[in-house]
PDB file of N, CA and C in Angstrom:
ATOM      1  N   MET A   1     -90.691 -64.323 -92.653  1.00  0.00           N
ATOM      2  CA  MET A   1     -91.620 -63.381 -92.069  1.00  0.00           C
ATOM      3  C   MET A   1     -92.188 -64.021 -90.800  1.00  0.00           C
ATOM      4  N   ASN A   2     -92.038 -63.344 -89.657  1.00  0.00           N
ATOM      5  CA  ASN A   2     -92.544 -63.918 -88.417  1.00  0.00           C
ATOM      6  C   ASN A   2     -94.054 -63.701 -88.279  1.00  0.00           C
ATOM      7  N   GLN A   3     -94.639 -64.294 -87.253  1.00  0.00           N
ATOM      8  CA  GLN A   3     -96.096 -64.240 -87.113  1.00  0.00           C
ATOM      9  C   GLN A   3     -96.619 -62.832 -86.860  1.00  0.00           C
ATOM     10  N   THR A   4     -95.886 -62.038 -86.115  1.00  0.00           N
ATOM     11  CA  THR A   4     -96.329 -60.665 -85.841  1.00  0.00           C
ATOM     12  C   THR A   4     -96.367 -59.850 -87.123  1.00  0.00           C
ATOM     13  N   THR A   5     -95.323 -59.950 -87.917  1.00  0.00           N
ATOM     14  CA  THR A   5     -95.285 -59.227 -89.188  1.00  0.00           C
ATOM     15  C   THR A   5     -96.402 -59.702 -90.108  1.00  0.00           C
ATOM     16  N   ARG A   6     -96.600 -61.014 -90.171  1.00  0.00           N
ATOM     17  CA  ARG A   6     -97.652 -61.573 -91.016  1.00  0.00           C
ATOM     18  C   ARG A   6     -99.029 -61.062 -90.563  1.00  0.00           C
ATOM     19  N   PHE A   7     -99.240 -60.987 -89.236  1.00  0.00           N
ATOM     20  CA  PHE A   7    -100.514 -60.483 -88.708  1.00  0.00           C
ATOM     21  C   PHE A   7    -100.748 -59.032 -89.145  1.00  0.00           C
ATOM     22  N   TRP A   8     -99.732 -58.188 -88.987  1.00  0.00           N
ATOM     23  CA  TRP A   8     -99.910 -56.770 -89.314  1.00  0.00           C
ATOM     24  C   TRP A   8    -100.013 -56.529 -90.813  1.00  0.00           C
ATOM     25  N   MET A   9     -99.351 -57.345 -91.614  1.00  0.00           N
ATOM     26  CA  MET A   9     -99.497 -57.215 -93.065  1.00  0.00           C
ATOM     27  C   MET A   9    -100.914 -57.619 -93.497  1.00  0.00           C
ATOM     28  N   THR A  10    -101.462 -58.655 -92.854  1.00  0.00           N
ATOM     29  CA  THR A  10    -102.845 -59.047 -93.132  1.00  0.00           C
ATOM     30  C   THR A  10    -103.809 -57.956 -92.686  1.00  0.00           C
ATOM     31  N   ALA A  11    -103.546 -57.369 -91.514  1.00  0.00           N
ATOM     32  CA  ALA A  11    -104.394 -56.278 -91.029  1.00  0.00           C
ATOM     33  C   ALA A  11    -104.335 -55.077 -91.974  1.00  0.00           C
ATOM     34  N   LEU A  12    -103.139 -54.774 -92.477  1.00  0.00           N
ATOM     35  CA  LEU A  12    -102.995 -53.676 -93.434  1.00  0.00           C
ATOM     36  C   LEU A  12    -103.763 -53.972 -94.719  1.00  0.00           C
ATOM     37  N   ARG A  13    -103.650 -55.206 -95.219  1.00  0.00           N
ATOM     38  CA  ARG A  13    -104.356 -55.583 -96.456  1.00  0.00           C
ATOM     39  C   ARG A  13    -105.863 -55.466 -96.271  1.00  0.00           C
ATOM     40  N   TRP A  14    -106.383 -55.955 -95.168  1.00  0.00           N
ATOM     41  CA  TRP A  14    -107.827 -55.880 -94.933  1.00  0.00           C
ATOM     42  C   TRP A  14    -108.296 -54.439 -94.738  1.00  0.00           C
ATOM     43  N   THR A  15    -107.554 -53.659 -93.970  1.00  0.00           N
ATOM     44  CA  THR A  15    -107.931 -52.264 -93.744  1.00  0.00           C
ATOM     45  C   THR A  15    -107.926 -51.485 -95.053  1.00  0.00           C
ATOM     46  N   LEU A  16    -106.858 -51.611 -95.798  1.00  0.00           N
ATOM     47  CA  LEU A  16    -106.742 -50.911 -97.075  1.00  0.00           C
ATOM     48  C   LEU A  16    -107.825 -51.370 -98.042  1.00  0.00           C
ATOM     49  N   GLY A  17    -108.018 -52.677 -98.142  1.00  0.00           N
ATOM     50  CA  GLY A  17    -109.021 -53.211 -99.062  1.00  0.00           C
ATOM     51  C   GLY A  17    -110.428 -52.734 -98.740  1.00  0.00           C
ATOM     52  N   ILE A  18    -110.785 -52.730 -97.455  1.00  0.00           N
ATOM     53  CA  ILE A  18    -112.130 -52.298 -97.061  1.00  0.00           C
ATOM     54  C   ILE A  18    -112.312 -50.801 -97.276  1.00  0.00           C
ATOM     55  N   VAL A  19    -111.297 -50.007 -96.935  1.00  0.00           N
ATOM     56  CA  VAL A  19    -111.398 -48.552 -97.132  1.00  0.00           C
ATOM     57  C   VAL A  19    -111.535 -48.223 -98.619  1.00  0.00           C
ATOM     58  N   VAL A  20    -110.719 -48.841 -99.454  1.00  0.00           N
ATOM     59  CA  VAL A  20    -110.789 -48.582-100.900  1.00  0.00           C
ATOM     60  C   VAL A  20    -112.123 -49.058-101.461  1.00  0.00           C
ATOM     61  N   LEU A  21    -112.605 -50.217-100.999  1.00  0.00           N
ATOM     62  CA  LEU A  21    -113.890 -50.737-101.470  1.00  0.00           C
ATOM     63  C   LEU A  21    -115.033 -49.793-101.101  1.00  0.00           C
ATOM     64  N   ILE A  22    -115.058 -49.311 -99.872  1.00  0.00           N
ATOM     65  CA  ILE A  22    -116.118 -48.387 -99.445  1.00  0.00           C
ATOM     66  C   ILE A  22    -116.049 -47.082-100.230  1.00  0.00           C
ATOM     67  N   GLN A  23    -114.856 -46.525-100.370  1.00  0.00           N
ATOM     68  CA  GLN A  23    -114.719 -45.273-101.110  1.00  0.00           C
ATOM     69  C   GLN A  23    -115.101 -45.446-102.577  1.00  0.00           C
ATOM     70  N   SER A  24    -114.755 -46.576-103.164  1.00  0.00           N
ATOM     71  CA  SER A  24    -115.107 -46.830-104.562  1.00  0.00           C
ATOM     72  C   SER A  24    -116.614 -46.960-104.732  1.00  0.00           C
ATOM     73  N   CYS A  25    -117.251 -47.690-103.827  1.00  0.00           N
ATOM     74  CA  CYS A  25    -118.712 -47.838-103.898  1.00  0.00           C
ATOM     75  C   CYS A  25    -119.401 -46.490-103.732  1.00  0.00           C
ATOM     76  N   LEU A  26    -118.944 -45.700-102.769  1.00  0.00           N
ATOM     77  CA  LEU A  26    -119.529 -44.359-102.580  1.00  0.00           C
ATOM     78  C   LEU A  26    -119.333 -43.505-103.826  1.00  0.00           C
ATOM     79  N   PHE A  27    -118.170 -43.592-104.437  1.00  0.00           N
ATOM     80  CA  PHE A  27    -117.893 -42.825-105.649  1.00  0.00           C
ATOM     81  C   PHE A  27    -118.837 -43.229-106.777  1.00  0.00           C
ATOM     82  N   VAL A  28    -118.963 -44.533-107.018  1.00  0.00           N
ATOM     83  CA  VAL A  28    -119.815 -45.012-108.112  1.00  0.00           C
ATOM     84  C   VAL A  28    -121.277 -44.671-107.840  1.00  0.00           C
ATOM     85  N   PHE A  29    -121.712 -44.832-106.589  1.00  0.00           N
ATOM     86  CA  PHE A  29    -123.115 -44.563-106.276  1.00  0.00           C
ATOM     87  C   PHE A  29    -123.450 -43.072-106.292  1.00  0.00           C
ATOM     88  N   THR A  30    -122.456 -42.209-106.039  1.00  0.00           N
ATOM     89  CA  THR A  30    -122.725 -40.776-106.092  1.00  0.00           C
ATOM     90  C   THR A  30    -122.565 -40.194-107.482  1.00  0.00           C
ATOM     91  N   VAL A  31    -122.061 -41.006-108.419  1.00  0.00           N
ATOM     92  CA  VAL A  31    -121.962 -40.513-109.789  1.00  0.00           C
ATOM     93  C   VAL A  31    -123.362 -40.287-110.359  1.00  0.00           C
ATOM     94  N   PHE A  32    -124.284 -41.113-109.951  1.00  0.00           N
ATOM     95  CA  PHE A  32    -125.654 -40.995-110.438  1.00  0.00           C
ATOM     96  C   PHE A  32    -126.575 -40.472-109.344  1.00  0.00           C
ATOM     97  N   THR A  33    -127.539 -39.650-109.746  1.00  0.00           N
ATOM     98  CA  THR A  33    -128.589 -39.228-108.820  1.00  0.00           C
ATOM     99  C   THR A  33    -129.646 -40.314-108.789  1.00  0.00           C
ATOM    100  N   SER A  34    -130.660 -40.136-107.986  1.00  0.00           N
ATOM    101  CA  SER A  34    -131.734 -41.132-107.917  1.00  0.00           C
ATOM    102  C   SER A  34    -132.515 -41.204-109.235  1.00  0.00           C
ATOM    103  N   SER A  35    -132.459 -40.149-110.038  1.00  0.00           N
ATOM    104  CA  SER A  35    -133.161 -40.158-111.319  1.00  0.00           C
ATOM    105  C   SER A  35    -132.330 -40.800-112.427  1.00  0.00           C
ATOM    106  N   GLY A  36    -131.103 -41.211-112.114  1.00  0.00           N
ATOM    107  CA  GLY A  36    -130.266 -41.884-113.093  1.00  0.00           C
ATOM    108  C   GLY A  36    -129.422 -40.947-113.932  1.00  0.00           C
ATOM    109  N   GLN A  37    -129.403 -39.656-113.612  1.00  0.00           N
ATOM    110  CA  GLN A  37    -128.591 -38.713-114.372  1.00  0.00           C
ATOM    111  C   GLN A  37    -127.238 -38.527-113.690  1.00  0.00           C
ATOM    112  N   LEU A  38    -126.248 -38.251-114.484  1.00  0.00           N
ATOM    113  CA  LEU A  38    -124.913 -38.068-113.940  1.00  0.00           C
ATOM    114  C   LEU A  38    -124.826 -36.834-113.066  1.00  0.00           C
ATOM    115  N   VAL A  39    -124.150 -36.984-111.932  1.00  0.00           N
ATOM    116  CA  VAL A  39    -123.934 -35.861-111.026  1.00  0.00           C
ATOM    117  C   VAL A  39    -122.570 -35.239-111.290  1.00  0.00           C
ATOM    118  N   VAL A  40    -121.566 -36.075-111.423  1.00  0.00           N
ATOM    119  CA  VAL A  40    -120.190 -35.612-111.587  1.00  0.00           C
ATOM    120  C   VAL A  40    -119.856 -35.572-113.066  1.00  0.00           C
ATOM    121  N   VAL A  41    -119.679 -34.392-113.596  1.00  0.00           N
ATOM    122  CA  VAL A  41    -119.266 -34.260-114.990  1.00  0.00           C
ATOM    123  C   VAL A  41    -118.188 -33.186-115.045  1.00  0.00           C
ATOM    124  N   LYS A  42    -117.005 -33.583-115.435  1.00  0.00           N
ATOM    125  CA  LYS A  42    -115.900 -32.641-115.588  1.00  0.00           C
ATOM    126  C   LYS A  42    -115.834 -32.228-117.048  1.00  0.00           C
ATOM    127  N   PRO A  43    -115.538 -30.977-117.319  1.00  0.00           N
ATOM    128  CA  PRO A  43    -115.399 -30.562-118.710  1.00  0.00           C
ATOM    129  C   PRO A  43    -114.304 -31.361-119.413  1.00  0.00           C
ATOM    130  N   GLY A  44    -114.624 -31.850-120.583  1.00  0.00           N
ATOM    131  CA  GLY A  44    -113.652 -32.579-121.377  1.00  0.00           C
ATOM    132  C   GLY A  44    -113.501 -34.044-121.027  1.00  0.00           C
ATOM    133  N   MET A  45    -114.310 -34.534-120.086  1.00  0.00           N
ATOM    134  CA  MET A  45    -114.221 -35.950-119.708  1.00  0.00           C
ATOM    135  C   MET A  45    -115.530 -36.652-120.020  1.00  0.00           C
ATOM    136  N   PRO A  46    -115.462 -37.756-120.748  1.00  0.00           N
ATOM    137  CA  PRO A  46    -116.691 -38.518-120.984  1.00  0.00           C
ATOM    138  C   PRO A  46    -117.205 -39.100-119.659  1.00  0.00           C
ATOM    139  N   PRO A  47    -118.503 -39.111-119.453  1.00  0.00           N
ATOM    140  CA  PRO A  47    -119.046 -39.562-118.172  1.00  0.00           C
ATOM    141  C   PRO A  47    -118.752 -41.036-117.850  1.00  0.00           C
ATOM    142  N   TRP A  48    -118.565 -41.864-118.851  1.00  0.00           N
ATOM    143  CA  TRP A  48    -118.340 -43.284-118.591  1.00  0.00           C
ATOM    144  C   TRP A  48    -116.996 -43.552-117.932  1.00  0.00           C
ATOM    145  N   ILE A  49    -116.067 -42.588-118.015  1.00  0.00           N
ATOM    146  CA  ILE A  49    -114.748 -42.760-117.390  1.00  0.00           C
ATOM    147  C   ILE A  49    -114.901 -42.976-115.886  1.00  0.00           C
ATOM    148  N   PHE A  50    -115.814 -42.244-115.267  1.00  0.00           N
ATOM    149  CA  PHE A  50    -116.006 -42.356-113.825  1.00  0.00           C
ATOM    150  C   PHE A  50    -116.497 -43.752-113.450  1.00  0.00           C
ATOM    151  N   LEU A  51    -117.419 -44.280-114.250  1.00  0.00           N
ATOM    152  CA  LEU A  51    -117.948 -45.611-113.958  1.00  0.00           C
ATOM    153  C   LEU A  51    -116.914 -46.705-114.201  1.00  0.00           C
ATOM    154  N   VAL A  52    -116.141 -46.573-115.264  1.00  0.00           N
ATOM    155  CA  VAL A  52    -115.117 -47.580-115.553  1.00  0.00           C
ATOM    156  C   VAL A  52    -114.049 -47.571-114.461  1.00  0.00           C
ATOM    157  N   LEU A  53    -113.586 -46.392-114.091  1.00  0.00           N
ATOM    158  CA  LEU A  53    -112.548 -46.289-113.065  1.00  0.00           C
ATOM    159  C   LEU A  53    -113.067 -46.783-111.717  1.00  0.00           C
ATOM    160  N   GLY A  54    -114.260 -46.335-111.338  1.00  0.00           N
ATOM    161  CA  GLY A  54    -114.839 -46.769-110.063  1.00  0.00           C
ATOM    162  C   GLY A  54    -115.159 -48.251-110.048  1.00  0.00           C
ATOM    163  N   GLY A  55    -115.720 -48.760-111.136  1.00  0.00           N
ATOM    164  CA  GLY A  55    -116.033 -50.186-111.212  1.00  0.00           C
ATOM    165  C   GLY A  55    -114.783 -51.051-111.179  1.00  0.00           C
ATOM    166  N   SER A  56    -113.762 -50.613-111.867  1.00  0.00           N
ATOM    167  CA  SER A  56    -112.486 -51.347-111.853  1.00  0.00           C
ATOM    168  C   SER A  56    -111.882 -51.350-110.452  1.00  0.00           C
ATOM    169  N   GLU A  57    -112.020 -50.239-109.771  1.00  0.00           N
ATOM    170  CA  GLU A  57    -111.480 -50.148-108.415  1.00  0.00           C
ATOM    171  C   GLU A  57    -112.239 -51.069-107.462  1.00  0.00           C
ATOM    172  N   ILE A  58    -113.551 -51.196-107.651  1.00  0.00           N
ATOM    173  CA  ILE A  58    -114.346 -52.106-106.819  1.00  0.00           C
ATOM    174  C   ILE A  58    -113.909 -53.549-107.048  1.00  0.00           C
ATOM    175  N   VAL A  59    -113.780 -53.935-108.316  1.00  0.00           N
ATOM    176  CA  VAL A  59    -113.354 -55.305-108.640  1.00  0.00           C
ATOM    177  C   VAL A  59    -111.953 -55.566-108.078  1.00  0.00           C
ATOM    178  N   ALA A  60    -111.053 -54.612-108.258  1.00  0.00           N
ATOM    179  CA  ALA A  60    -109.680 -54.777-107.770  1.00  0.00           C
ATOM    180  C   ALA A  60    -109.644 -54.888-106.250  1.00  0.00           C
ATOM    181  N   ALA A  61    -110.454 -54.089-105.553  1.00  0.00           N
ATOM    182  CA  ALA A  61    -110.476 -54.138-104.087  1.00  0.00           C
ATOM    183  C   ALA A  61    -110.999 -55.485-103.599  1.00  0.00           C
ATOM    184  N   ILE A  62    -112.019 -56.025-104.262  1.00  0.00           N
ATOM    185  CA  ILE A  62    -112.543 -57.337-103.875  1.00  0.00           C
ATOM    186  C   ILE A  62    -111.478 -58.413-104.102  1.00  0.00           C
ATOM    187  N   LEU A  63    -110.812 -58.370-105.250  1.00  0.00           N
ATOM    188  CA  LEU A  63    -109.743 -59.334-105.518  1.00  0.00           C
ATOM    189  C   LEU A  63    -108.607 -59.196-104.511  1.00  0.00           C
ATOM    190  N   PHE A  64    -108.307 -57.965-104.121  1.00  0.00           N
ATOM    191  CA  PHE A  64    -107.243 -57.691-103.155  1.00  0.00           C
ATOM    192  C   PHE A  64    -107.577 -58.277-101.780  1.00  0.00           C
ATOM    193  N   LEU A  65    -108.862 -58.290-101.430  1.00  0.00           N
ATOM    194  CA  LEU A  65    -109.272 -58.814-100.132  1.00  0.00           C
ATOM    195  C   LEU A  65    -109.236 -60.337-100.066  1.00  0.00           C
ATOM    196  N   LEU A  66    -109.376 -61.010-101.196  1.00  0.00           N
ATOM    197  CA  LEU A  66    -109.365 -62.470-101.205  1.00  0.00           C
ATOM    198  C   LEU A  66    -107.921 -62.970-101.199  1.00  0.00           C
ATOM    199  N   PRO A  67    -107.565 -63.839-100.257  1.00  0.00           N
ATOM    200  CA  PRO A  67    -106.170 -64.279-100.149  1.00  0.00           C
ATOM    201  C   PRO A  67    -105.616 -64.912-101.427  1.00  0.00           C
ATOM    202  N   ALA A  68    -106.429 -65.672-102.130  1.00  0.00           N
ATOM    203  CA  ALA A  68    -105.939 -66.361-103.329  1.00  0.00           C
ATOM    204  C   ALA A  68    -105.647 -65.401-104.481  1.00  0.00           C
ATOM    205  N   THR A  69    -106.297 -64.247-104.491  1.00  0.00           N
ATOM    206  CA  THR A  69    -106.135 -63.304-105.603  1.00  0.00           C
ATOM    207  C   THR A  69    -105.597 -61.956-105.140  1.00  0.00           C
ATOM    208  N   SER A  70    -105.012 -61.912-103.947  1.00  0.00           N
ATOM    209  CA  SER A  70    -104.583 -60.615-103.403  1.00  0.00           C
ATOM    210  C   SER A  70    -103.472 -59.962-104.224  1.00  0.00           C
ATOM    211  N   VAL A  71    -102.564 -60.758-104.768  1.00  0.00           N
ATOM    212  CA  VAL A  71    -101.472 -60.177-105.554  1.00  0.00           C
ATOM    213  C   VAL A  71    -102.007 -59.618-106.871  1.00  0.00           C
ATOM    214  N   ALA A  72    -102.863 -60.371-107.553  1.00  0.00           N
ATOM    215  CA  ALA A  72    -103.454 -59.885-108.813  1.00  0.00           C
ATOM    216  C   ALA A  72    -104.314 -58.653-108.544  1.00  0.00           C
ATOM    217  N   GLY A  73    -105.105 -58.689-107.471  1.00  0.00           N
ATOM    218  CA  GLY A  73    -105.921 -57.524-107.108  1.00  0.00           C
ATOM    219  C   GLY A  73    -105.066 -56.323-106.762  1.00  0.00           C
ATOM    220  N   GLY A  74    -103.938 -56.562-106.111  1.00  0.00           N
ATOM    221  CA  GLY A  74    -103.022 -55.473-105.777  1.00  0.00           C
ATOM    222  C   GLY A  74    -102.436 -54.830-107.023  1.00  0.00           C
ATOM    223  N   HIS A  75    -102.057 -55.656-107.990  1.00  0.00           N
ATOM    224  CA  HIS A  75    -101.532 -55.093-109.238  1.00  0.00           C
ATOM    225  C   HIS A  75    -102.608 -54.288-109.963  1.00  0.00           C
ATOM    226  N   LEU A  76    -103.821 -54.786-109.971  1.00  0.00           N
ATOM    227  CA  LEU A  76    -104.920 -54.054-110.604  1.00  0.00           C
ATOM    228  C   LEU A  76    -105.200 -52.743-109.869  1.00  0.00           C
ATOM    229  N   LEU A  77    -105.129 -52.766-108.535  1.00  0.00           N
ATOM    230  CA  LEU A  77    -105.304 -51.520-107.774  1.00  0.00           C
ATOM    231  C   LEU A  77    -104.226 -50.505-108.128  1.00  0.00           C
ATOM    232  N   LEU A  78    -102.997 -50.960-108.295  1.00  0.00           N
ATOM    233  CA  LEU A  78    -101.918 -50.035-108.669  1.00  0.00           C
ATOM    234  C   LEU A  78    -102.193 -49.379-110.017  1.00  0.00           C
ATOM    235  N   VAL A  79    -102.709 -50.149-110.965  1.00  0.00           N
ATOM    236  CA  VAL A  79    -103.053 -49.594-112.280  1.00  0.00           C
ATOM    237  C   VAL A  79    -104.167 -48.560-112.138  1.00  0.00           C
ATOM    238  N   VAL A  80    -105.197 -48.887-111.351  1.00  0.00           N
ATOM    239  CA  VAL A  80    -106.320 -47.961-111.146  1.00  0.00           C
ATOM    240  C   VAL A  80    -105.833 -46.687-110.464  1.00  0.00           C
ATOM    241  N   PHE A  81    -104.999 -46.828-109.433  1.00  0.00           N
ATOM    242  CA  PHE A  81    -104.477 -45.646-108.736  1.00  0.00           C
ATOM    243  C   PHE A  81    -103.655 -44.776-109.678  1.00  0.00           C
ATOM    244  N   PHE A  82    -102.860 -45.405-110.552  1.00  0.00           N
ATOM    245  CA  PHE A  82    -102.057 -44.642-111.508  1.00  0.00           C
ATOM    246  C   PHE A  82    -102.958 -43.820-112.428  1.00  0.00           C
ATOM    247  N   PHE A  83    -103.980 -44.470-113.000  1.00  0.00           N
ATOM    248  CA  PHE A  83    -104.872 -43.738-113.910  1.00  0.00           C
ATOM    249  C   PHE A  83    -105.658 -42.655-113.182  1.00  0.00           C
ATOM    250  N   ALA A  84    -106.080 -42.927-111.960  1.00  0.00           N
ATOM    251  CA  ALA A  84    -106.803 -41.915-111.183  1.00  0.00           C
ATOM    252  C   ALA A  84    -105.898 -40.710-110.907  1.00  0.00           C
ATOM    253  N   ALA A  85    -104.655 -40.973-110.524  1.00  0.00           N
ATOM    254  CA  ALA A  85    -103.714 -39.873-110.271  1.00  0.00           C
ATOM    255  C   ALA A  85    -103.438 -39.097-111.547  1.00  0.00           C
ATOM    256  N   ALA A  86    -103.266 -39.806-112.661  1.00  0.00           N
ATOM    257  CA  ALA A  86    -103.007 -39.133-113.932  1.00  0.00           C
ATOM    258  C   ALA A  86    -104.178 -38.239-114.329  1.00  0.00           C
ATOM    259  N   ILE A  87    -105.392 -38.718-114.154  1.00  0.00           N
ATOM    260  CA  ILE A  87    -106.573 -37.911-114.492  1.00  0.00           C
ATOM    261  C   ILE A  87    -106.643 -36.675-113.610  1.00  0.00           C
ATOM    262  N   HIS A  88    -106.375 -36.851-112.310  1.00  0.00           N
ATOM    263  CA  HIS A  88    -106.385 -35.697-111.400  1.00  0.00           C
ATOM    264  C   HIS A  88    -105.334 -34.661-111.812  1.00  0.00           C
ATOM    265  N   VAL A  89    -104.112 -35.116-112.066  1.00  0.00           N
ATOM    266  CA  VAL A  89    -103.024 -34.196-112.407  1.00  0.00           C
ATOM    267  C   VAL A  89    -103.307 -33.500-113.736  1.00  0.00           C
ATOM    268  N   LEU A  90    -103.808 -34.243-114.711  1.00  0.00           N
ATOM    269  CA  LEU A  90    -104.108 -33.636-116.012  1.00  0.00           C
ATOM    270  C   LEU A  90    -105.213 -32.583-115.935  1.00  0.00           C
ATOM    271  N   HIS A  91    -106.043 -32.657-114.909  1.00  0.00           N
ATOM    272  CA  HIS A  91    -107.103 -31.663-114.721  1.00  0.00           C
ATOM    273  C   HIS A  91    -106.742 -30.621-113.667  1.00  0.00           C
ATOM    274  N   GLY A  92    -105.455 -30.532-113.329  1.00  0.00           N
ATOM    275  CA  GLY A  92    -104.984 -29.482-112.437  1.00  0.00           C
ATOM    276  C   GLY A  92    -105.228 -29.742-110.967  1.00  0.00           C
ATOM    277  N   GLN A  93    -105.597 -30.954-110.598  1.00  0.00           N
ATOM    278  CA  GLN A  93    -105.799 -31.307-109.190  1.00  0.00           C
ATOM    279  C   GLN A  93    -104.575 -32.100-108.731  1.00  0.00           C
ATOM    280  N   TYR A  94    -103.649 -31.402-108.104  1.00  0.00           N
ATOM    281  CA  TYR A  94    -102.362 -31.999-107.786  1.00  0.00           C
ATOM    282  C   TYR A  94    -102.316 -32.682-106.424  1.00  0.00           C
ATOM    283  N   ASP A  95    -103.400 -32.682-105.694  1.00  0.00           N
ATOM    284  CA  ASP A  95    -103.441 -33.315-104.381  1.00  0.00           C
ATOM    285  C   ASP A  95    -103.738 -34.807-104.534  1.00  0.00           C
ATOM    286  N   VAL A  96    -102.724 -35.581-104.921  1.00  0.00           N
ATOM    287  CA  VAL A  96    -102.879 -37.020-105.117  1.00  0.00           C
ATOM    288  C   VAL A  96    -102.022 -37.808-104.120  1.00  0.00           C
ATOM    289  N   GLY A  97    -101.645 -37.150-103.036  1.00  0.00           N
ATOM    290  CA  GLY A  97    -100.821 -37.813-102.030  1.00  0.00           C
ATOM    291  C   GLY A  97    -101.479 -39.034-101.433  1.00  0.00           C
ATOM    292  N   TRP A  98    -102.778 -38.996-101.250  1.00  0.00           N
ATOM    293  CA  TRP A  98    -103.497 -40.139-100.686  1.00  0.00           C
ATOM    294  C   TRP A  98    -103.424 -41.343-101.622  1.00  0.00           C
ATOM    295  N   LEU A  99    -103.408 -41.102-102.945  1.00  0.00           N
ATOM    296  CA  LEU A  99    -103.247 -42.207-103.887  1.00  0.00           C
ATOM    297  C   LEU A  99    -101.847 -42.810-103.795  1.00  0.00           C
ATOM    298  N   VAL A 100    -100.866 -41.974-103.554  1.00  0.00           N
ATOM    299  CA  VAL A 100     -99.494 -42.457-103.405  1.00  0.00           C
ATOM    300  C   VAL A 100     -99.378 -43.314-102.141  1.00  0.00           C
ATOM    301  N   VAL A 101     -99.999 -42.867-101.046  1.00  0.00           N
ATOM    302  CA  VAL A 101     -99.969 -43.642 -99.803  1.00  0.00           C
ATOM    303  C   VAL A 101    -100.666 -44.988 -99.999  1.00  0.00           C
ATOM    304  N   TYR A 102    -101.823 -44.985-100.648  1.00  0.00           N
ATOM    305  CA  TYR A 102    -102.526 -46.236-100.948  1.00  0.00           C
ATOM    306  C   TYR A 102    -101.650 -47.160-101.798  1.00  0.00           C
ATOM    307  N   ALA A 103    -100.993 -46.611-102.805  1.00  0.00           N
ATOM    308  CA  ALA A 103    -100.160 -47.420-103.696  1.00  0.00           C
ATOM    309  C   ALA A 103     -98.997 -48.055-102.940  1.00  0.00           C
ATOM    310  N   VAL A 104     -98.359 -47.298-102.059  1.00  0.00           N
ATOM    311  CA  VAL A 104     -97.240 -47.846-101.285  1.00  0.00           C
ATOM    312  C   VAL A 104     -97.738 -48.941-100.339  1.00  0.00           C
ATOM    313  N   ALA A 105     -98.905 -48.749 -99.735  1.00  0.00           N
ATOM    314  CA  ALA A 105     -99.469 -49.779 -98.864  1.00  0.00           C
ATOM    315  C   ALA A 105     -99.785 -51.044 -99.663  1.00  0.00           C
ATOM    316  N   VAL A 106    -100.312 -50.892-100.873  1.00  0.00           N
ATOM    317  CA  VAL A 106    -100.587 -52.054-101.726  1.00  0.00           C
ATOM    318  C   VAL A 106     -99.282 -52.766-102.066  1.00  0.00           C
ATOM    319  N   MET A 107     -98.242 -51.997-102.406  1.00  0.00           N
ATOM    320  CA  MET A 107     -96.957 -52.623-102.737  1.00  0.00           C
ATOM    321  C   MET A 107     -96.395 -53.404-101.554  1.00  0.00           C
ATOM    322  N   ALA A 108     -96.551 -52.864-100.350  1.00  0.00           N
ATOM    323  CA  ALA A 108     -96.085 -53.583 -99.156  1.00  0.00           C
ATOM    324  C   ALA A 108     -96.875 -54.875 -98.964  1.00  0.00           C
ATOM    325  N   CYS A 109     -98.169 -54.822 -99.210  1.00  0.00           N
ATOM    326  CA  CYS A 109     -99.011 -56.013 -99.027  1.00  0.00           C
ATOM    327  C   CYS A 109     -98.730 -57.088-100.066  1.00  0.00           C
ATOM    328  N   ILE A 110     -98.482 -56.698-101.290  1.00  0.00           N
ATOM    329  CA  ILE A 110     -98.235 -57.727-102.317  1.00  0.00           C
ATOM    330  C   ILE A 110     -96.798 -58.239-102.265  1.00  0.00           C
ATOM    331  N   ALA A 111     -95.903 -57.526-101.613  1.00  0.00           N
ATOM    332  CA  ALA A 111     -94.539 -58.029-101.438  1.00  0.00           C
ATOM    333  C   ALA A 111     -94.501 -59.087-100.341  1.00  0.00           C
ATOM    334  N   GLY A 112     -95.380 -58.978 -99.360  1.00  0.00           N
ATOM    335  CA  GLY A 112     -95.419 -59.921 -98.239  1.00  0.00           C
ATOM    336  C   GLY A 112     -95.648 -61.360 -98.647  1.00  0.00           C
ATOM    337  N   PRO A 113     -96.681 -61.675 -99.455  1.00  0.00           N
ATOM    338  CA  PRO A 113     -96.915 -63.077 -99.822  1.00  0.00           C
ATOM    339  C   PRO A 113     -95.742 -63.701-100.577  1.00  0.00           C
ATOM    340  N   LYS A 114     -95.032 -62.930-101.367  1.00  0.00           N
ATOM    341  CA  LYS A 114     -93.876 -63.466-102.094  1.00  0.00           C
ATOM    342  C   LYS A 114     -92.775 -63.862-101.113  1.00  0.00           C
ATOM    343  N   GLU A 115     -92.515 -63.010-100.119  1.00  0.00           N
ATOM    344  CA  GLU A 115     -91.494 -63.322 -99.123  1.00  0.00           C
ATOM    345  C   GLU A 115     -91.902 -64.539 -98.319  1.00  0.00           C
ATOM    346  N   TYR A 116     -93.171 -64.641 -97.982  1.00  0.00           N
ATOM    347  CA  TYR A 116     -93.659 -65.770 -97.197  1.00  0.00           C
ATOM    348  C   TYR A 116     -93.534 -67.066 -97.991  1.00  0.00           C
ATOM    349  N   ALA A 117     -93.823 -67.017 -99.289  1.00  0.00           N
ATOM    350  CA  ALA A 117     -93.721 -68.206-100.136  1.00  0.00           C
ATOM    351  C   ALA A 117     -92.263 -68.664-100.249  1.00  0.00           C
ATOM    352  N   ILE A 118     -91.342 -67.721-100.368  1.00  0.00           N
ATOM    353  CA  ILE A 118     -89.906 -68.069-100.450  1.00  0.00           C
ATOM    354  C   ILE A 118     -89.439 -68.650 -99.129  1.00  0.00           C
ATOM    355  N   GLU A 119     -89.913 -68.077 -98.031  1.00  0.00           N
ATOM    356  CA  GLU A 119     -89.500 -68.502 -96.710  1.00  0.00           C
ATOM    357  C   GLU A 119     -89.974 -69.929 -96.384  1.00  0.00           C
ATOM    358  N   ARG A 120     -91.136 -70.327 -96.901  1.00  0.00           N
ATOM    359  CA  ARG A 120     -91.697 -71.646 -96.606  1.00  0.00           C
ATOM    360  C   ARG A 120     -90.935 -72.761 -97.315  1.00  0.00           C
ATOM    361  N   ARG A 121     -90.238 -72.479 -98.384  1.00  0.00           N
ATOM    362  CA  ARG A 121     -89.527 -73.534 -99.144  1.00  0.00           C
ATOM    363  C   ARG A 121     -88.454 -74.146 -98.379  1.00  0.00           C
TER     364      ARG A 121
END
């Protein structure tokens, strides 16, 4: 992997990680009103699902941003994106293209460090 490719893969990882982190924080913070009551409640879904999914996404995004844990964070993000897409589809919301784009970007970012490690040997 040459330096230009490495630069753009790092830029992609940081951009994706920051965007996902901001969106996850906004999601978790908007789940509750200032009075502490749930705002987002879908019929048939326990309210804690939103907090678990959002909290997991925050942890995964932070791990994804740290170079030492970017691959593990990327795998965790893929799991979170899969469950988020499954929940959307099961509730009749089929517009999950943005999750697919995020997942492909994560896969590209976690494939980069492996190629770089092989190349350095």
